[in-house]
Amino acid sequence: MKRRILFLFTSLLFLSAYAHAVSLHLADTTQRDTAKINKKIRNLQADLSGYQSDLTKTQSQIPIDSVALINATAKSNDALADSKKAASDALGGDLSDAKKAAKKAKQAANASSDADDAQRQLDKDRKKVKKLNAKIAKTEKKISDLQTGQ
C-alpha cells in the first residue's frame, strides 16, 4: 500500500512538473512568434512608407509631365507647320529653299520625337502610380492580417 501511494505521489509530481515545463515552453514559443510577427510588421511598415513616398513623388511628377507633353505637342505642331510651309516654298524655289525645307523637316521630326517621349514618360508615370497603389494595398492587407493573427 505504501508503495502504491509513493508511486502515485511520484507520478503526480512528475506529471505536474511535465505540465509546467510544457506550459513554459509554449509561452516561450508564443513570445518568440510574437517577436517574429512584430518584426515582420515593422519591415512591412517600412516598405509601406517607401511605397507611399514613391507614390507621392510620382503623383507630383504627373502634372509636370502633362505640361511637358502639352508644350512638346505644341512645338511639334508648330515645327510641322513650318516644315509644310518650307516644303511648299521649295516646290517652286531653288536649292537653298530645298535645303531649308529639309532642315525644317528634320526639326519637325525631332519635335515629334520629343512629343512621343513626353507621352511615353507620362504613360510610364501613370502605370507606376497604379503599381504602387496595388503594392500599398497588398502591403496594408498583409499588415492587417498579421495584426489580426490570421
N, C-alpha and C. Protein backbone atom coordinates (compact mmCIF):
# COMPACT_ATOMS: atom_id res chain seq x y z
N MET A 1 0.82 -1.17 0.00
CA MET A 1 0.00 0.00 0.00
C MET A 1 0.88 1.26 0.00
N LYS A 2 1.91 1.26 0.82
CA LYS A 2 2.81 2.40 0.86
C LYS A 2 3.48 2.59 -0.50
N ARG A 3 3.80 1.49 -1.14
CA ARG A 3 4.44 1.58 -2.45
C ARG A 3 3.49 2.21 -3.47
N ARG A 4 2.22 1.86 -3.41
CA ARG A 4 1.25 2.43 -4.32
C ARG A 4 1.11 3.93 -4.10
N ILE A 5 1.01 4.33 -2.87
CA ILE A 5 0.88 5.74 -2.54
C ILE A 5 2.13 6.48 -2.98
N LEU A 6 3.29 5.91 -2.71
CA LEU A 6 4.54 6.52 -3.12
C LEU A 6 4.62 6.61 -4.64
N PHE A 7 4.18 5.56 -5.33
CA PHE A 7 4.18 5.55 -6.79
C PHE A 7 3.21 6.61 -7.34
N LEU A 8 2.00 6.68 -6.78
CA LEU A 8 1.03 7.67 -7.23
C LEU A 8 1.52 9.09 -6.95
N PHE A 9 2.09 9.30 -5.79
CA PHE A 9 2.61 10.61 -5.44
C PHE A 9 3.73 11.02 -6.39
N THR A 10 4.62 10.09 -6.67
CA THR A 10 5.73 10.36 -7.59
C THR A 10 5.21 10.61 -9.00
N SER A 11 4.24 9.84 -9.42
CA SER A 11 3.65 10.02 -10.75
C SER A 11 2.97 11.38 -10.86
N LEU A 12 2.21 11.77 -9.86
CA LEU A 12 1.55 13.07 -9.88
C LEU A 12 2.56 14.21 -9.89
N LEU A 13 3.60 14.06 -9.10
CA LEU A 13 4.65 15.07 -9.06
C LEU A 13 5.32 15.20 -10.43
N PHE A 14 5.62 14.07 -11.05
CA PHE A 14 6.24 14.06 -12.38
C PHE A 14 5.30 14.70 -13.41
N LEU A 15 4.03 14.34 -13.39
CA LEU A 15 3.07 14.89 -14.36
C LEU A 15 2.89 16.40 -14.19
N SER A 16 2.84 16.86 -12.95
CA SER A 16 2.69 18.30 -12.74
C SER A 16 3.94 19.05 -13.20
N ALA A 17 5.12 18.49 -12.96
CA ALA A 17 6.36 19.11 -13.42
C ALA A 17 6.41 19.13 -14.94
N TYR A 18 5.97 18.04 -15.56
CA TYR A 18 5.94 17.95 -17.02
C TYR A 18 4.96 18.98 -17.60
N ALA A 19 3.79 19.10 -17.01
CA ALA A 19 2.79 20.06 -17.48
C ALA A 19 3.31 21.48 -17.34
N HIS A 20 3.99 21.75 -16.25
CA HIS A 20 4.56 23.09 -16.04
C HIS A 20 5.63 23.39 -17.10
N ALA A 21 6.47 22.41 -17.39
CA ALA A 21 7.53 22.59 -18.38
C ALA A 21 6.94 22.82 -19.77
N VAL A 22 5.89 22.09 -20.11
CA VAL A 22 5.24 22.26 -21.41
C VAL A 22 4.62 23.65 -21.51
N SER A 23 3.97 24.11 -20.45
CA SER A 23 3.35 25.43 -20.49
C SER A 23 4.41 26.53 -20.62
N LEU A 24 5.55 26.37 -19.97
CA LEU A 24 6.63 27.35 -20.11
C LEU A 24 7.17 27.35 -21.53
N HIS A 25 7.30 26.18 -22.12
CA HIS A 25 7.78 26.07 -23.50
C HIS A 25 6.79 26.74 -24.46
N LEU A 26 5.50 26.51 -24.25
CA LEU A 26 4.50 27.11 -25.12
C LEU A 26 4.49 28.63 -24.96
N ALA A 27 4.64 29.11 -23.75
CA ALA A 27 4.67 30.55 -23.52
C ALA A 27 5.89 31.16 -24.21
N ASP A 28 7.04 30.47 -24.12
CA ASP A 28 8.25 30.95 -24.76
C ASP A 28 8.08 30.96 -26.28
N THR A 29 7.44 29.94 -26.83
CA THR A 29 7.19 29.87 -28.26
C THR A 29 6.26 31.00 -28.69
N THR A 30 5.26 31.28 -27.89
CA THR A 30 4.34 32.37 -28.20
C THR A 30 5.07 33.71 -28.21
N GLN A 31 5.96 33.90 -27.24
CA GLN A 31 6.72 35.14 -27.21
C GLN A 31 7.63 35.28 -28.43
N ARG A 32 8.26 34.17 -28.81
CA ARG A 32 9.12 34.21 -29.99
C ARG A 32 8.30 34.48 -31.25
N ASP A 33 7.12 33.84 -31.35
CA ASP A 33 6.27 34.07 -32.51
C ASP A 33 5.80 35.52 -32.56
N THR A 34 5.45 36.08 -31.42
CA THR A 34 5.02 37.47 -31.36
C THR A 34 6.16 38.39 -31.79
N ALA A 35 7.35 38.09 -31.36
CA ALA A 35 8.50 38.91 -31.75
C ALA A 35 8.72 38.83 -33.26
N LYS A 36 8.58 37.64 -33.83
CA LYS A 36 8.74 37.49 -35.28
C LYS A 36 7.66 38.26 -36.02
N ILE A 37 6.44 38.18 -35.54
CA ILE A 37 5.33 38.89 -36.19
C ILE A 37 5.56 40.40 -36.11
N ASN A 38 5.98 40.87 -34.94
CA ASN A 38 6.24 42.31 -34.79
C ASN A 38 7.36 42.77 -35.72
N LYS A 39 8.38 41.93 -35.89
CA LYS A 39 9.48 42.28 -36.79
C LYS A 39 8.98 42.34 -38.24
N LYS A 40 8.14 41.37 -38.63
CA LYS A 40 7.58 41.39 -39.98
C LYS A 40 6.72 42.63 -40.19
N ILE A 41 5.93 42.98 -39.16
CA ILE A 41 5.08 44.17 -39.27
C ILE A 41 5.93 45.43 -39.44
N ARG A 42 7.01 45.53 -38.65
CA ARG A 42 7.90 46.70 -38.79
C ARG A 42 8.51 46.77 -40.18
N ASN A 43 8.94 45.62 -40.71
CA ASN A 43 9.51 45.60 -42.06
C ASN A 43 8.47 46.00 -43.11
N LEU A 44 7.25 45.47 -42.96
CA LEU A 44 6.19 45.81 -43.90
C LEU A 44 5.82 47.29 -43.81
N GLN A 45 5.83 47.83 -42.59
CA GLN A 45 5.53 49.25 -42.44
C GLN A 45 6.62 50.12 -43.07
N ALA A 46 7.86 49.67 -42.98
CA ALA A 46 8.95 50.40 -43.64
C ALA A 46 8.77 50.36 -45.16
N ASP A 47 8.42 49.18 -45.69
CA ASP A 47 8.16 49.06 -47.12
C ASP A 47 7.00 49.96 -47.53
N LEU A 48 5.95 49.95 -46.71
CA LEU A 48 4.77 50.76 -46.99
C LEU A 48 5.13 52.24 -47.02
N SER A 49 5.96 52.67 -46.11
CA SER A 49 6.39 54.06 -46.08
C SER A 49 7.16 54.41 -47.36
N GLY A 50 8.03 53.51 -47.80
CA GLY A 50 8.77 53.73 -49.04
C GLY A 50 7.85 53.80 -50.24
N TYR A 51 6.87 52.90 -50.30
CA TYR A 51 5.91 52.91 -51.41
C TYR A 51 5.12 54.21 -51.43
N GLN A 52 4.71 54.67 -50.24
CA GLN A 52 3.92 55.90 -50.18
C GLN A 52 4.74 57.12 -50.59
N SER A 53 6.02 57.15 -50.22
CA SER A 53 6.85 58.29 -50.64
C SER A 53 7.08 58.25 -52.15
N ASP A 54 7.29 57.05 -52.71
CA ASP A 54 7.43 56.93 -54.17
C ASP A 54 6.15 57.36 -54.87
N LEU A 55 5.01 56.98 -54.29
CA LEU A 55 3.73 57.36 -54.88
C LEU A 55 3.55 58.87 -54.87
N THR A 56 3.91 59.50 -53.78
CA THR A 56 3.80 60.96 -53.68
C THR A 56 4.68 61.64 -54.73
N LYS A 57 5.92 61.16 -54.87
CA LYS A 57 6.83 61.74 -55.86
C LYS A 57 6.28 61.58 -57.27
N THR A 58 5.79 60.37 -57.56
CA THR A 58 5.30 60.09 -58.91
C THR A 58 4.03 60.90 -59.20
N GLN A 59 3.14 61.00 -58.22
CA GLN A 59 1.92 61.78 -58.43
C GLN A 59 2.23 63.26 -58.62
N SER A 60 3.24 63.75 -57.96
CA SER A 60 3.61 65.16 -58.15
C SER A 60 4.30 65.37 -59.50
N GLN A 61 4.86 64.31 -60.08
CA GLN A 61 5.53 64.41 -61.37
C GLN A 61 4.54 64.39 -62.53
N ILE A 62 3.37 63.81 -62.34
CA ILE A 62 2.38 63.68 -63.43
C ILE A 62 1.96 65.05 -63.98
N PRO A 63 1.62 66.03 -63.14
CA PRO A 63 1.26 67.34 -63.73
C PRO A 63 2.42 67.98 -64.50
N ILE A 64 3.63 67.79 -64.02
CA ILE A 64 4.80 68.33 -64.71
C ILE A 64 4.94 67.67 -66.08
N ASP A 65 4.77 66.35 -66.10
CA ASP A 65 4.86 65.62 -67.37
C ASP A 65 3.73 66.00 -68.32
N SER A 66 2.55 66.29 -67.77
CA SER A 66 1.41 66.70 -68.60
C SER A 66 1.71 68.04 -69.28
N VAL A 67 2.25 68.97 -68.52
CA VAL A 67 2.61 70.27 -69.09
C VAL A 67 3.70 70.09 -70.14
N ALA A 68 4.68 69.23 -69.86
CA ALA A 68 5.75 68.97 -70.83
C ALA A 68 5.18 68.37 -72.11
N LEU A 69 4.20 67.49 -71.97
CA LEU A 69 3.57 66.89 -73.15
C LEU A 69 2.82 67.95 -73.95
N ILE A 70 2.10 68.82 -73.28
CA ILE A 70 1.36 69.88 -73.99
C ILE A 70 2.33 70.80 -74.73
N ASN A 71 3.41 71.16 -74.05
CA ASN A 71 4.41 72.03 -74.69
C ASN A 71 5.08 71.34 -75.87
N ALA A 72 5.44 70.08 -75.68
CA ALA A 72 6.11 69.33 -76.76
C ALA A 72 5.17 69.14 -77.95
N THR A 73 3.90 68.90 -77.68
CA THR A 73 2.93 68.75 -78.77
C THR A 73 2.76 70.07 -79.53
N ALA A 74 2.71 71.17 -78.77
CA ALA A 74 2.59 72.48 -79.43
C ALA A 74 3.81 72.78 -80.29
N LYS A 75 5.00 72.50 -79.75
CA LYS A 75 6.23 72.71 -80.53
C LYS A 75 6.25 71.82 -81.77
N SER A 76 5.78 70.60 -81.60
CA SER A 76 5.74 69.67 -82.72
C SER A 76 4.80 70.17 -83.81
N ASN A 77 3.64 70.65 -83.40
CA ASN A 77 2.68 71.18 -84.38
C ASN A 77 3.23 72.42 -85.08
N ASP A 78 3.89 73.30 -84.32
CA ASP A 78 4.50 74.48 -84.93
C ASP A 78 5.60 74.09 -85.91
N ALA A 79 6.44 73.15 -85.52
CA ALA A 79 7.52 72.69 -86.39
C ALA A 79 6.96 72.02 -87.64
N LEU A 80 5.86 71.31 -87.49
CA LEU A 80 5.23 70.66 -88.64
C LEU A 80 4.67 71.71 -89.60
N ALA A 81 4.05 72.74 -89.04
CA ALA A 81 3.51 73.82 -89.90
C ALA A 81 4.65 74.53 -90.63
N ASP A 82 5.75 74.80 -89.92
CA ASP A 82 6.91 75.44 -90.57
C ASP A 82 7.48 74.54 -91.66
N SER A 83 7.52 73.25 -91.39
CA SER A 83 8.06 72.30 -92.36
C SER A 83 7.17 72.26 -93.61
N LYS A 84 5.87 72.27 -93.42
CA LYS A 84 4.95 72.26 -94.57
C LYS A 84 5.11 73.53 -95.40
N LYS A 85 5.25 74.65 -94.72
CA LYS A 85 5.41 75.92 -95.44
C LYS A 85 6.72 75.92 -96.22
N ALA A 86 7.80 75.44 -95.57
CA ALA A 86 9.09 75.40 -96.25
C ALA A 86 9.06 74.42 -97.42
N ALA A 87 8.33 73.33 -97.29
CA ALA A 87 8.23 72.36 -98.38
C ALA A 87 7.46 72.95 -99.56
N SER A 88 6.40 73.68 -99.26
CA SER A 88 5.64 74.28 -100.37
C SER A 88 6.46 75.39 -101.05
N ASP A 89 7.28 76.10 -100.27
CA ASP A 89 8.17 77.11 -100.87
C ASP A 89 9.25 76.46 -101.72
N ALA A 90 9.69 75.28 -101.32
CA ALA A 90 10.77 74.60 -102.04
C ALA A 90 10.29 74.04 -103.38
N LEU A 91 8.99 73.84 -103.54
CA LEU A 91 8.48 73.29 -104.80
C LEU A 91 8.81 74.20 -105.99
N GLY A 92 8.66 75.46 -105.78
CA GLY A 92 8.93 76.37 -106.91
C GLY A 92 10.22 77.13 -106.71
N GLY A 93 11.00 76.77 -105.69
CA GLY A 93 12.19 77.55 -105.38
C GLY A 93 13.47 76.93 -105.87
N ASP A 94 14.57 77.43 -105.36
CA ASP A 94 15.89 76.96 -105.76
C ASP A 94 16.47 76.00 -104.71
N LEU A 95 17.76 75.74 -104.80
CA LEU A 95 18.43 74.76 -103.93
C LEU A 95 18.42 75.19 -102.47
N SER A 96 18.58 76.46 -102.21
CA SER A 96 18.58 76.93 -100.81
C SER A 96 17.21 76.72 -100.17
N ASP A 97 16.14 76.86 -100.94
CA ASP A 97 14.80 76.59 -100.41
C ASP A 97 14.63 75.11 -100.08
N ALA A 98 15.20 74.25 -100.92
CA ALA A 98 15.12 72.80 -100.68
C ALA A 98 15.90 72.42 -99.43
N LYS A 99 17.09 73.05 -99.25
CA LYS A 99 17.88 72.77 -98.05
C LYS A 99 17.15 73.26 -96.80
N LYS A 100 16.54 74.42 -96.93
CA LYS A 100 15.78 74.97 -95.80
C LYS A 100 14.59 74.04 -95.46
N ALA A 101 13.93 73.53 -96.45
CA ALA A 101 12.80 72.62 -96.25
C ALA A 101 13.28 71.32 -95.58
N ALA A 102 14.44 70.82 -96.00
CA ALA A 102 14.98 69.60 -95.39
C ALA A 102 15.32 69.84 -93.92
N LYS A 103 15.88 71.01 -93.65
CA LYS A 103 16.23 71.36 -92.26
C LYS A 103 14.96 71.46 -91.41
N LYS A 104 13.94 72.09 -91.94
CA LYS A 104 12.67 72.22 -91.21
C LYS A 104 12.01 70.86 -91.01
N ALA A 105 12.13 69.98 -91.97
CA ALA A 105 11.57 68.64 -91.84
C ALA A 105 12.28 67.87 -90.73
N LYS A 106 13.60 68.03 -90.66
CA LYS A 106 14.36 67.37 -89.59
C LYS A 106 13.97 67.93 -88.23
N GLN A 107 13.79 69.24 -88.14
CA GLN A 107 13.36 69.86 -86.88
C GLN A 107 11.97 69.37 -86.48
N ALA A 108 11.10 69.22 -87.45
CA ALA A 108 9.76 68.72 -87.17
C ALA A 108 9.81 67.28 -86.67
N ALA A 109 10.68 66.48 -87.26
CA ALA A 109 10.83 65.09 -86.82
C ALA A 109 11.36 65.03 -85.39
N ASN A 110 12.33 65.89 -85.08
CA ASN A 110 12.87 65.93 -83.71
C ASN A 110 11.80 66.38 -82.72
N ALA A 111 11.03 67.39 -83.09
CA ALA A 111 9.97 67.88 -82.19
C ALA A 111 8.91 66.80 -81.99
N SER A 112 8.60 66.08 -83.03
CA SER A 112 7.63 64.99 -82.92
C SER A 112 8.17 63.88 -82.02
N SER A 113 9.45 63.60 -82.13
CA SER A 113 10.09 62.60 -81.27
C SER A 113 10.04 63.04 -79.81
N ASP A 114 10.28 64.34 -79.58
CA ASP A 114 10.20 64.86 -78.20
C ASP A 114 8.79 64.71 -77.65
N ALA A 115 7.78 64.96 -78.47
CA ALA A 115 6.39 64.80 -78.03
C ALA A 115 6.08 63.34 -77.71
N ASP A 116 6.61 62.43 -78.52
CA ASP A 116 6.42 61.00 -78.26
C ASP A 116 7.09 60.60 -76.94
N ASP A 117 8.29 61.12 -76.71
CA ASP A 117 8.99 60.84 -75.47
C ASP A 117 8.21 61.36 -74.26
N ALA A 118 7.66 62.55 -74.38
CA ALA A 118 6.87 63.12 -73.28
C ALA A 118 5.63 62.26 -73.02
N GLN A 119 5.00 61.77 -74.08
CA GLN A 119 3.82 60.91 -73.91
C GLN A 119 4.20 59.60 -73.23
N ARG A 120 5.33 59.01 -73.63
CA ARG A 120 5.79 57.77 -73.01
C ARG A 120 6.09 57.96 -71.53
N GLN A 121 6.71 59.09 -71.19
CA GLN A 121 7.03 59.38 -69.79
C GLN A 121 5.76 59.53 -68.96
N LEU A 122 4.77 60.21 -69.51
CA LEU A 122 3.51 60.38 -68.80
C LEU A 122 2.82 59.03 -68.60
N ASP A 123 2.81 58.21 -69.63
CA ASP A 123 2.21 56.86 -69.51
C ASP A 123 2.96 56.02 -68.48
N LYS A 124 4.29 56.13 -68.50
CA LYS A 124 5.11 55.39 -67.54
C LYS A 124 4.78 55.80 -66.11
N ASP A 125 4.64 57.09 -65.87
CA ASP A 125 4.31 57.57 -64.52
C ASP A 125 2.92 57.11 -64.10
N ARG A 126 1.98 57.12 -65.01
CA ARG A 126 0.62 56.66 -64.67
C ARG A 126 0.61 55.17 -64.32
N LYS A 127 1.37 54.37 -65.08
CA LYS A 127 1.46 52.94 -64.77
C LYS A 127 2.14 52.73 -63.41
N LYS A 128 3.15 53.53 -63.13
CA LYS A 128 3.85 53.42 -61.85
C LYS A 128 2.92 53.73 -60.69
N VAL A 129 2.05 54.71 -60.87
CA VAL A 129 1.08 55.04 -59.82
C VAL A 129 0.15 53.85 -59.57
N LYS A 130 -0.31 53.22 -60.64
CA LYS A 130 -1.19 52.05 -60.48
C LYS A 130 -0.47 50.92 -59.75
N LYS A 131 0.77 50.65 -60.14
CA LYS A 131 1.53 49.58 -59.50
C LYS A 131 1.79 49.89 -58.03
N LEU A 132 2.13 51.12 -57.73
CA LEU A 132 2.39 51.50 -56.34
C LEU A 132 1.11 51.41 -55.50
N ASN A 133 -0.01 51.80 -56.07
CA ASN A 133 -1.28 51.67 -55.34
C ASN A 133 -1.59 50.20 -55.04
N ALA A 134 -1.30 49.33 -56.01
CA ALA A 134 -1.52 47.90 -55.79
C ALA A 134 -0.58 47.37 -54.71
N LYS A 135 0.69 47.79 -54.75
CA LYS A 135 1.65 47.35 -53.73
C LYS A 135 1.24 47.85 -52.34
N ILE A 136 0.77 49.08 -52.28
CA ILE A 136 0.35 49.64 -51.00
C ILE A 136 -0.83 48.86 -50.44
N ALA A 137 -1.80 48.56 -51.28
CA ALA A 137 -2.97 47.81 -50.83
C ALA A 137 -2.56 46.41 -50.36
N LYS A 138 -1.68 45.77 -51.10
CA LYS A 138 -1.22 44.43 -50.75
C LYS A 138 -0.46 44.44 -49.42
N THR A 139 0.40 45.43 -49.24
CA THR A 139 1.18 45.53 -48.01
C THR A 139 0.28 45.84 -46.82
N GLU A 140 -0.69 46.74 -47.02
CA GLU A 140 -1.63 47.05 -45.93
C GLU A 140 -2.44 45.82 -45.54
N LYS A 141 -2.80 45.00 -46.53
CA LYS A 141 -3.55 43.77 -46.23
C LYS A 141 -2.68 42.79 -45.44
N LYS A 142 -1.41 42.67 -45.81
CA LYS A 142 -0.50 41.79 -45.07
C LYS A 142 -0.36 42.25 -43.63
N ILE A 143 -0.23 43.56 -43.44
CA ILE A 143 -0.08 44.10 -42.09
C ILE A 143 -1.33 43.82 -41.27
N SER A 144 -2.49 44.06 -41.85
CA SER A 144 -3.72 43.82 -41.09
C SER A 144 -3.92 42.34 -40.79
N ASP A 145 -3.53 41.47 -41.73
CA ASP A 145 -3.64 40.02 -41.48
C ASP A 145 -2.72 39.60 -40.33
N LEU A 146 -1.51 40.15 -40.31
CA LEU A 146 -0.58 39.82 -39.22
C LEU A 146 -1.07 40.37 -37.88
N GLN A 147 -1.67 41.54 -37.90
CA GLN A 147 -2.15 42.14 -36.65
C GLN A 147 -3.36 41.42 -36.11
N THR A 148 -4.20 40.88 -36.99
CA THR A 148 -5.38 40.16 -36.52
C THR A 148 -5.07 38.71 -36.22
N GLY A 149 -3.89 38.26 -36.59
CA GLY A 149 -3.46 36.91 -36.25
C GLY A 149 -3.89 35.84 -37.21
N GLN A 150 -4.13 36.19 -38.44
CA GLN A 150 -4.56 35.19 -39.42
C GLN A 150 -3.38 34.62 -40.12
